[in-house]
Amino acid sequence: MFVLLLIFVAALIGFGFLNPMWWVAAAMLIFGLVHYGRGGSGRRGYGDDPDYRDYRDYRDQQDRWDRRYSRQRRSRWNRQDRRDHDHRR
């Protein structure tokens, strides 16, 4: 497959002597091959995506906030429940 792409790029460069737009097409193909790699999907991992990194940081911060303040709220709710329970007797 890679050999066919190289032959195709060579043909585009050859046609470039007839019309310079073929050189542009060859350059775009070479850029695509170099940028996305041989046989690669071209997708980066989730850890490389800045949007996902921002989301992950926000999610981690929210988890820390929930863990920190859920303990305080839980104790306050337990106190209120005990008070309510004591008043009902």
PDB file of N, CA and C in Angstrom:
ATOM      1  N   MET A   1       0.824  -1.190   0.000  1.00  0.00           N
ATOM      2  CA  MET A   1       0.000   0.000   0.000  1.00  0.00           C
ATOM      3  C   MET A   1       0.875   1.263   0.000  1.00  0.00           C
ATOM      4  N   PHE A   2       1.899   1.236   0.841  1.00  0.00           N
ATOM      5  CA  PHE A   2       2.784   2.397   0.927  1.00  0.00           C
ATOM      6  C   PHE A   2       3.535   2.611  -0.391  1.00  0.00           C
ATOM      7  N   VAL A   3       3.886   1.509  -1.056  1.00  0.00           N
ATOM      8  CA  VAL A   3       4.584   1.603  -2.341  1.00  0.00           C
ATOM      9  C   VAL A   3       3.677   2.264  -3.375  1.00  0.00           C
ATOM     10  N   LEU A   4       2.394   1.907  -3.347  1.00  0.00           N
ATOM     11  CA  LEU A   4       1.448   2.523  -4.276  1.00  0.00           C
ATOM     12  C   LEU A   4       1.320   4.026  -4.025  1.00  0.00           C
ATOM     13  N   LEU A   5       1.335   4.414  -2.770  1.00  0.00           N
ATOM     14  CA  LEU A   5       1.263   5.846  -2.447  1.00  0.00           C
ATOM     15  C   LEU A   5       2.511   6.581  -2.931  1.00  0.00           C
ATOM     16  N   LEU A   6       3.665   5.948  -2.775  1.00  0.00           N
ATOM     17  CA  LEU A   6       4.902   6.571  -3.269  1.00  0.00           C
ATOM     18  C   LEU A   6       4.876   6.720  -4.788  1.00  0.00           C
ATOM     19  N   ILE A   7       4.375   5.703  -5.490  1.00  0.00           N
ATOM     20  CA  ILE A   7       4.264   5.793  -6.951  1.00  0.00           C
ATOM     21  C   ILE A   7       3.291   6.910  -7.319  1.00  0.00           C
ATOM     22  N   PHE A   8       2.197   7.011  -6.578  1.00  0.00           N
ATOM     23  CA  PHE A   8       1.203   8.054  -6.841  1.00  0.00           C
ATOM     24  C   PHE A   8       1.803   9.447  -6.613  1.00  0.00           C
ATOM     25  N   VAL A   9       2.575   9.608  -5.560  1.00  0.00           N
ATOM     26  CA  VAL A   9       3.227  10.891  -5.285  1.00  0.00           C
ATOM     27  C   VAL A   9       4.219  11.220  -6.398  1.00  0.00           C
ATOM     28  N   ALA A  10       4.990  10.220  -6.846  1.00  0.00           N
ATOM     29  CA  ALA A  10       5.949  10.441  -7.936  1.00  0.00           C
ATOM     30  C   ALA A  10       5.221  10.853  -9.218  1.00  0.00           C
ATOM     31  N   ALA A  11       4.074  10.232  -9.476  1.00  0.00           N
ATOM     32  CA  ALA A  11       3.295  10.603 -10.667  1.00  0.00           C
ATOM     33  C   ALA A  11       2.779  12.035 -10.547  1.00  0.00           C
ATOM     34  N   LEU A  12       2.305  12.408  -9.368  1.00  0.00           N
ATOM     35  CA  LEU A  12       1.818  13.780  -9.177  1.00  0.00           C
ATOM     36  C   LEU A  12       2.931  14.799  -9.362  1.00  0.00           C
ATOM     37  N   ILE A  13       4.122  14.459  -8.885  1.00  0.00           N
ATOM     38  CA  ILE A  13       5.265  15.370  -9.065  1.00  0.00           C
ATOM     39  C   ILE A  13       5.611  15.472 -10.552  1.00  0.00           C
ATOM     40  N   GLY A  14       5.545  14.340 -11.254  1.00  0.00           N
ATOM     41  CA  GLY A  14       5.811  14.364 -12.691  1.00  0.00           C
ATOM     42  C   GLY A  14       4.790  15.207 -13.434  1.00  0.00           C
ATOM     43  N   PHE A  15       3.508  15.068 -13.079  1.00  0.00           N
ATOM     44  CA  PHE A  15       2.475  15.887 -13.718  1.00  0.00           C
ATOM     45  C   PHE A  15       2.619  17.356 -13.347  1.00  0.00           C
ATOM     46  N   GLY A  16       3.330  17.635 -12.273  1.00  0.00           N
ATOM     47  CA  GLY A  16       3.534  19.010 -11.848  1.00  0.00           C
ATOM     48  C   GLY A  16       4.304  19.840 -12.858  1.00  0.00           C
ATOM     49  N   PHE A  17       5.084  19.179 -13.723  1.00  0.00           N
ATOM     50  CA  PHE A  17       5.792  19.924 -14.772  1.00  0.00           C
ATOM     51  C   PHE A  17       4.827  20.413 -15.847  1.00  0.00           C
ATOM     52  N   LEU A  18       3.655  19.756 -15.934  1.00  0.00           N
ATOM     53  CA  LEU A  18       2.637  20.193 -16.886  1.00  0.00           C
ATOM     54  C   LEU A  18       1.753  21.272 -16.290  1.00  0.00           C
ATOM     55  N   ASN A  19       1.379  21.072 -15.026  1.00  0.00           N
ATOM     56  CA  ASN A  19       0.491  22.012 -14.355  1.00  0.00           C
ATOM     57  C   ASN A  19       0.910  22.073 -12.878  1.00  0.00           C
ATOM     58  N   PRO A  20       1.277  23.231 -12.371  1.00  0.00           N
ATOM     59  CA  PRO A  20       1.761  23.332 -10.977  1.00  0.00           C
ATOM     60  C   PRO A  20       0.732  22.907  -9.916  1.00  0.00           C
ATOM     61  N   MET A  21      -0.543  22.835 -10.273  1.00  0.00           N
ATOM     62  CA  MET A  21      -1.543  22.381  -9.296  1.00  0.00           C
ATOM     63  C   MET A  21      -1.297  20.931  -8.872  1.00  0.00           C
ATOM     64  N   TRP A  22      -0.672  20.139  -9.728  1.00  0.00           N
ATOM     65  CA  TRP A  22      -0.352  18.758  -9.356  1.00  0.00           C
ATOM     66  C   TRP A  22       0.714  18.737  -8.260  1.00  0.00           C
ATOM     67  N   TRP A  23       1.619  19.731  -8.278  1.00  0.00           N
ATOM     68  CA  TRP A  23       2.599  19.819  -7.193  1.00  0.00           C
ATOM     69  C   TRP A  23       1.914  20.127  -5.865  1.00  0.00           C
ATOM     70  N   VAL A  24       0.910  20.958  -5.921  1.00  0.00           N
ATOM     71  CA  VAL A  24       0.142  21.266  -4.703  1.00  0.00           C
ATOM     72  C   VAL A  24      -0.531  19.994  -4.197  1.00  0.00           C
ATOM     73  N   ALA A  25      -1.115  19.219  -5.124  1.00  0.00           N
ATOM     74  CA  ALA A  25      -1.758  17.963  -4.727  1.00  0.00           C
ATOM     75  C   ALA A  25      -0.730  16.998  -4.134  1.00  0.00           C
ATOM     76  N   ALA A  26       0.446  16.925  -4.730  1.00  0.00           N
ATOM     77  CA  ALA A  26       1.500  16.048  -4.214  1.00  0.00           C
ATOM     78  C   ALA A  26       1.954  16.508  -2.828  1.00  0.00           C
ATOM     79  N   ALA A  27       2.098  17.824  -2.671  1.00  0.00           N
ATOM     80  CA  ALA A  27       2.518  18.346  -1.362  1.00  0.00           C
ATOM     81  C   ALA A  27       1.470  18.031  -0.295  1.00  0.00           C
ATOM     82  N   MET A  28       0.187  18.155  -0.653  1.00  0.00           N
ATOM     83  CA  MET A  28      -0.867  17.836   0.322  1.00  0.00           C
ATOM     84  C   MET A  28      -0.842  16.357   0.681  1.00  0.00           C
ATOM     85  N   LEU A  29      -0.613  15.504  -0.285  1.00  0.00           N
ATOM     86  CA  LEU A  29      -0.537  14.072  -0.021  1.00  0.00           C
ATOM     87  C   LEU A  29       0.670  13.734   0.849  1.00  0.00           C
ATOM     88  N   ILE A  30       1.814  14.343   0.555  1.00  0.00           N
ATOM     89  CA  ILE A  30       3.006  14.112   1.374  1.00  0.00           C
ATOM     90  C   ILE A  30       2.779  14.616   2.797  1.00  0.00           C
ATOM     91  N   PHE A  31       2.157  15.785   2.923  1.00  0.00           N
ATOM     92  CA  PHE A  31       1.854  16.295   4.263  1.00  0.00           C
ATOM     93  C   PHE A  31       0.947  15.327   5.013  1.00  0.00           C
ATOM     94  N   GLY A  32      -0.072  14.823   4.341  1.00  0.00           N
ATOM     95  CA  GLY A  32      -0.975  13.865   4.988  1.00  0.00           C
ATOM     96  C   GLY A  32      -0.264  12.609   5.427  1.00  0.00           C
ATOM     97  N   LEU A  33       0.639  12.111   4.567  1.00  0.00           N
ATOM     98  CA  LEU A  33       1.388  10.906   4.927  1.00  0.00           C
ATOM     99  C   LEU A  33       2.300  11.147   6.126  1.00  0.00           C
ATOM    100  N   VAL A  34       2.970  12.282   6.144  1.00  0.00           N
ATOM    101  CA  VAL A  34       3.887  12.579   7.242  1.00  0.00           C
ATOM    102  C   VAL A  34       3.119  12.895   8.525  1.00  0.00           C
ATOM    103  N   HIS A  35       2.053  13.673   8.384  1.00  0.00           N
ATOM    104  CA  HIS A  35       1.305  14.119   9.562  1.00  0.00           C
ATOM    105  C   HIS A  35       0.565  12.967  10.239  1.00  0.00           C
ATOM    106  N   TYR A  36      -0.062  12.127   9.459  1.00  0.00           N
ATOM    107  CA  TYR A  36      -0.868  11.045  10.030  1.00  0.00           C
ATOM    108  C   TYR A  36      -0.128   9.728  10.109  1.00  0.00           C
ATOM    109  N   GLY A  37       1.015   9.642   9.526  1.00  0.00           N
ATOM    110  CA  GLY A  37       1.830   8.443   9.638  1.00  0.00           C
ATOM    111  C   GLY A  37       1.385   7.354   8.688  1.00  0.00           C
ATOM    112  N   ARG A  38       2.264   6.384   8.526  1.00  0.00           N
ATOM    113  CA  ARG A  38       1.959   5.251   7.648  1.00  0.00           C
ATOM    114  C   ARG A  38       0.964   4.336   8.323  1.00  0.00           C
ATOM    115  N   GLY A  39      -0.187   4.141   7.726  1.00  0.00           N
ATOM    116  CA  GLY A  39      -1.161   3.192   8.233  1.00  0.00           C
ATOM    117  C   GLY A  39      -1.829   3.619   9.522  1.00  0.00           C
ATOM    118  N   GLY A  40      -1.521   4.786  10.033  1.00  0.00           N
ATOM    119  CA  GLY A  40      -2.148   5.240  11.264  1.00  0.00           C
ATOM    120  C   GLY A  40      -3.518   5.828  10.991  1.00  0.00           C
ATOM    121  N   SER A  41      -4.293   5.939  12.029  1.00  0.00           N
ATOM    122  CA  SER A  41      -5.645   6.473  11.853  1.00  0.00           C
ATOM    123  C   SER A  41      -5.640   7.995  11.868  1.00  0.00           C
ATOM    124  N   GLY A  42      -4.557   8.601  12.352  1.00  0.00           N
ATOM    125  CA  GLY A  42      -4.494  10.046  12.409  1.00  0.00           C
ATOM    126  C   GLY A  42      -5.117  10.616  13.670  1.00  0.00           C
ATOM    127  N   ARG A  43      -5.720   9.768  14.494  1.00  0.00           N
ATOM    128  CA  ARG A  43      -6.322  10.251  15.727  1.00  0.00           C
ATOM    129  C   ARG A  43      -5.296  10.242  16.841  1.00  0.00           C
ATOM    130  N   ARG A  44      -5.352  11.264  17.640  1.00  0.00           N
ATOM    131  CA  ARG A  44      -4.466  11.307  18.795  1.00  0.00           C
ATOM    132  C   ARG A  44      -5.175  10.624  19.952  1.00  0.00           C
ATOM    133  N   GLY A  45      -4.418  10.316  20.978  1.00  0.00           N
ATOM    134  CA  GLY A  45      -5.024   9.745  22.163  1.00  0.00           C
ATOM    135  C   GLY A  45      -5.827  10.795  22.905  1.00  0.00           C
ATOM    136  N   TYR A  46      -6.699  10.351  23.793  1.00  0.00           N
ATOM    137  CA  TYR A  46      -7.530  11.294  24.528  1.00  0.00           C
ATOM    138  C   TYR A  46      -6.695  12.219  25.403  1.00  0.00           C
ATOM    139  N   GLY A  47      -5.569  11.740  25.889  1.00  0.00           N
ATOM    140  CA  GLY A  47      -4.756  12.566  26.759  1.00  0.00           C
ATOM    141  C   GLY A  47      -4.111  13.738  26.038  1.00  0.00           C
ATOM    142  N   ASP A  48      -4.015  13.687  24.717  1.00  0.00           N
ATOM    143  CA  ASP A  48      -3.384  14.756  23.956  1.00  0.00           C
ATOM    144  C   ASP A  48      -4.349  15.882  23.604  1.00  0.00           C
ATOM    145  N   ASP A  49      -5.631  15.617  23.694  1.00  0.00           N
ATOM    146  CA  ASP A  49      -6.638  16.596  23.272  1.00  0.00           C
ATOM    147  C   ASP A  49      -6.807  17.655  24.358  1.00  0.00           C
ATOM    148  N   PRO A  50      -6.591  18.952  24.038  1.00  0.00           N
ATOM    149  CA  PRO A  50      -6.709  19.987  25.071  1.00  0.00           C
ATOM    150  C   PRO A  50      -8.116  20.099  25.642  1.00  0.00           C
ATOM    151  N   ASP A  51      -9.140  19.858  24.813  1.00  0.00           N
ATOM    152  CA  ASP A  51     -10.511  19.926  25.326  1.00  0.00           C
ATOM    153  C   ASP A  51     -10.759  18.826  26.340  1.00  0.00           C
ATOM    154  N   TYR A  52     -10.289  17.620  26.048  1.00  0.00           N
ATOM    155  CA  TYR A  52     -10.477  16.522  26.983  1.00  0.00           C
ATOM    156  C   TYR A  52      -9.672  16.765  28.252  1.00  0.00           C
ATOM    157  N   ARG A  53      -8.480  17.338  28.100  1.00  0.00           N
ATOM    158  CA  ARG A  53      -7.665  17.635  29.277  1.00  0.00           C
ATOM    159  C   ARG A  53      -8.379  18.636  30.183  1.00  0.00           C
ATOM    160  N   ASP A  54      -8.996  19.665  29.593  1.00  0.00           N
ATOM    161  CA  ASP A  54      -9.767  20.630  30.387  1.00  0.00           C
ATOM    162  C   ASP A  54     -10.942  19.958  31.067  1.00  0.00           C
ATOM    163  N   TYR A  55     -11.631  19.096  30.339  1.00  0.00           N
ATOM    164  CA  TYR A  55     -12.767  18.372  30.921  1.00  0.00           C
ATOM    165  C   TYR A  55     -12.310  17.477  32.065  1.00  0.00           C
ATOM    166  N   ARG A  56     -11.183  16.762  31.861  1.00  0.00           N
ATOM    167  CA  ARG A  56     -10.680  15.875  32.898  1.00  0.00           C
ATOM    168  C   ARG A  56     -10.277  16.662  34.150  1.00  0.00           C
ATOM    169  N   ASP A  57      -9.626  17.825  33.967  1.00  0.00           N
ATOM    170  CA  ASP A  57      -9.263  18.656  35.113  1.00  0.00           C
ATOM    171  C   ASP A  57     -10.495  19.144  35.851  1.00  0.00           C
ATOM    172  N   TYR A  58     -11.519  19.575  35.096  1.00  0.00           N
ATOM    173  CA  TYR A  58     -12.761  20.026  35.725  1.00  0.00           C
ATOM    174  C   TYR A  58     -13.427  18.888  36.489  1.00  0.00           C
ATOM    175  N   ARG A  59     -13.458  17.703  35.880  1.00  0.00           N
ATOM    176  CA  ARG A  59     -14.079  16.545  36.523  1.00  0.00           C
ATOM    177  C   ARG A  59     -13.340  16.167  37.805  1.00  0.00           C
ATOM    178  N   ASP A  60     -12.010  16.181  37.763  1.00  0.00           N
ATOM    179  CA  ASP A  60     -11.227  15.860  38.953  1.00  0.00           C
ATOM    180  C   ASP A  60     -11.448  16.896  40.052  1.00  0.00           C
ATOM    181  N   GLN A  61     -11.492  18.159  39.669  1.00  0.00           N
ATOM    182  CA  GLN A  61     -11.736  19.208  40.660  1.00  0.00           C
ATOM    183  C   GLN A  61     -13.122  19.048  41.276  1.00  0.00           C
ATOM    184  N   GLN A  62     -14.120  18.710  40.449  1.00  0.00           N
ATOM    185  CA  GLN A  62     -15.474  18.513  40.960  1.00  0.00           C
ATOM    186  C   GLN A  62     -15.528  17.312  41.911  1.00  0.00           C
ATOM    187  N   ASP A  63     -14.805  16.248  41.569  1.00  0.00           N
ATOM    188  CA  ASP A  63     -14.757  15.083  42.453  1.00  0.00           C
ATOM    189  C   ASP A  63     -14.123  15.430  43.794  1.00  0.00           C
ATOM    190  N   ARG A  64     -13.024  16.189  43.776  1.00  0.00           N
ATOM    191  CA  ARG A  64     -12.388  16.599  45.035  1.00  0.00           C
ATOM    192  C   ARG A  64     -13.338  17.462  45.864  1.00  0.00           C
ATOM    193  N   TRP A  65     -14.037  18.377  45.199  1.00  0.00           N
ATOM    194  CA  TRP A  65     -14.986  19.248  45.887  1.00  0.00           C
ATOM    195  C   TRP A  65     -16.102  18.423  46.525  1.00  0.00           C
ATOM    196  N   ASP A  66     -16.625  17.486  45.769  1.00  0.00           N
ATOM    197  CA  ASP A  66     -17.703  16.643  46.298  1.00  0.00           C
ATOM    198  C   ASP A  66     -17.226  15.805  47.473  1.00  0.00           C
ATOM    199  N   ARG A  67     -16.039  15.222  47.373  1.00  0.00           N
ATOM    200  CA  ARG A  67     -15.529  14.421  48.488  1.00  0.00           C
ATOM    201  C   ARG A  67     -15.296  15.281  49.723  1.00  0.00           C
ATOM    202  N   ARG A  68     -14.769  16.478  49.521  1.00  0.00           N
ATOM    203  CA  ARG A  68     -14.450  17.344  50.642  1.00  0.00           C
ATOM    204  C   ARG A  68     -15.710  17.805  51.363  1.00  0.00           C
ATOM    205  N   TYR A  69     -16.674  18.282  50.607  1.00  0.00           N
ATOM    206  CA  TYR A  69     -17.835  18.896  51.235  1.00  0.00           C
ATOM    207  C   TYR A  69     -18.979  17.926  51.486  1.00  0.00           C
ATOM    208  N   SER A  70     -18.938  16.755  50.909  1.00  0.00           N
ATOM    209  CA  SER A  70     -19.995  15.795  51.221  1.00  0.00           C
ATOM    210  C   SER A  70     -19.841  15.299  52.656  1.00  0.00           C
ATOM    211  N   ARG A  71     -18.597  15.217  53.154  1.00  0.00           N
ATOM    212  CA  ARG A  71     -18.393  14.805  54.543  1.00  0.00           C
ATOM    213  C   ARG A  71     -18.984  15.834  55.500  1.00  0.00           C
ATOM    214  N   GLN A  72     -18.763  17.105  55.207  1.00  0.00           N
ATOM    215  CA  GLN A  72     -19.300  18.149  56.083  1.00  0.00           C
ATOM    216  C   GLN A  72     -20.815  18.174  56.016  1.00  0.00           C
ATOM    217  N   ARG A  73     -21.371  18.068  54.842  1.00  0.00           N
ATOM    218  CA  ARG A  73     -22.827  18.077  54.713  1.00  0.00           C
ATOM    219  C   ARG A  73     -23.431  16.854  55.376  1.00  0.00           C
ATOM    220  N   ARG A  74     -22.761  15.702  55.222  1.00  0.00           N
ATOM    221  CA  ARG A  74     -23.279  14.482  55.814  1.00  0.00           C
ATOM    222  C   ARG A  74     -23.357  14.612  57.325  1.00  0.00           C
ATOM    223  N   SER A  75     -22.321  15.163  57.947  1.00  0.00           N
ATOM    224  CA  SER A  75     -22.347  15.304  59.404  1.00  0.00           C
ATOM    225  C   SER A  75     -23.426  16.295  59.826  1.00  0.00           C
ATOM    226  N   ARG A  76     -23.600  17.373  59.064  1.00  0.00           N
ATOM    227  CA  ARG A  76     -24.645  18.335  59.390  1.00  0.00           C
ATOM    228  C   ARG A  76     -26.024  17.704  59.233  1.00  0.00           C
ATOM    229  N   TRP A  77     -26.214  16.918  58.186  1.00  0.00           N
ATOM    230  CA  TRP A  77     -27.499  16.249  57.988  1.00  0.00           C
ATOM    231  C   TRP A  77     -27.766  15.251  59.108  1.00  0.00           C
ATOM    232  N   ASN A  78     -26.708  14.539  59.529  1.00  0.00           N
ATOM    233  CA  ASN A  78     -26.886  13.579  60.624  1.00  0.00           C
ATOM    234  C   ASN A  78     -27.278  14.294  61.909  1.00  0.00           C
ATOM    235  N   ARG A  79     -26.652  15.461  62.187  1.00  0.00           N
ATOM    236  CA  ARG A  79     -27.023  16.223  63.381  1.00  0.00           C
ATOM    237  C   ARG A  79     -28.472  16.675  63.310  1.00  0.00           C
ATOM    238  N   GLN A  80     -28.869  17.174  62.143  1.00  0.00           N
ATOM    239  CA  GLN A  80     -30.253  17.619  61.993  1.00  0.00           C
ATOM    240  C   GLN A  80     -31.219  16.447  62.135  1.00  0.00           C
ATOM    241  N   ASP A  81     -30.864  15.309  61.603  1.00  0.00           N
ATOM    242  CA  ASP A  81     -31.736  14.133  61.732  1.00  0.00           C
ATOM    243  C   ASP A  81     -31.856  13.711  63.188  1.00  0.00           C
ATOM    244  N   ARG A  82     -30.746  13.778  63.930  1.00  0.00           N
ATOM    245  CA  ARG A  82     -30.813  13.416  65.350  1.00  0.00           C
ATOM    246  C   ARG A  82     -31.697  14.390  66.108  1.00  0.00           C
ATOM    247  N   ARG A  83     -31.556  15.694  65.798  1.00  0.00           N
ATOM    248  CA  ARG A  83     -32.410  16.693  66.446  1.00  0.00           C
ATOM    249  C   ARG A  83     -33.871  16.446  66.146  1.00  0.00           C
ATOM    250  N   ASP A  84     -34.163  16.185  64.882  1.00  0.00           N
ATOM    251  CA  ASP A  84     -35.553  15.918  64.499  1.00  0.00           C
ATOM    252  C   ASP A  84     -36.065  14.662  65.192  1.00  0.00           C
ATOM    253  N   HIS A  85     -35.231  13.676  65.268  1.00  0.00           N
ATOM    254  CA  HIS A  85     -35.623  12.430  65.908  1.00  0.00           C
ATOM    255  C   HIS A  85     -35.860  12.635  67.408  1.00  0.00           C
ATOM    256  N   ASP A  86     -34.989  13.432  68.055  1.00  0.00           N
ATOM    257  CA  ASP A  86     -35.145  13.709  69.483  1.00  0.00           C
ATOM    258  C   ASP A  86     -36.393  14.521  69.759  1.00  0.00           C
ATOM    259  N   HIS A  87     -36.760  15.452  68.876  1.00  0.00           N
ATOM    260  CA  HIS A  87     -37.942  16.280  69.078  1.00  0.00           C
ATOM    261  C   HIS A  87     -39.230  15.477  68.899  1.00  0.00           C
ATOM    262  N   ARG A  88     -39.190  14.449  68.145  1.00  0.00           N
ATOM    263  CA  ARG A  88     -40.400  13.662  67.907  1.00  0.00           C
ATOM    264  C   ARG A  88     -40.745  12.807  69.114  1.00  0.00           C
ATOM    265  N   ARG A  89     -39.818  12.502  69.945  1.00  0.00           N
ATOM    266  CA  ARG A  89     -40.094  11.616  71.087  1.00  0.00           C
ATOM    267  C   ARG A  89     -40.889  12.270  72.122  1.00  0.00           C
TER     268      ARG A  89
END
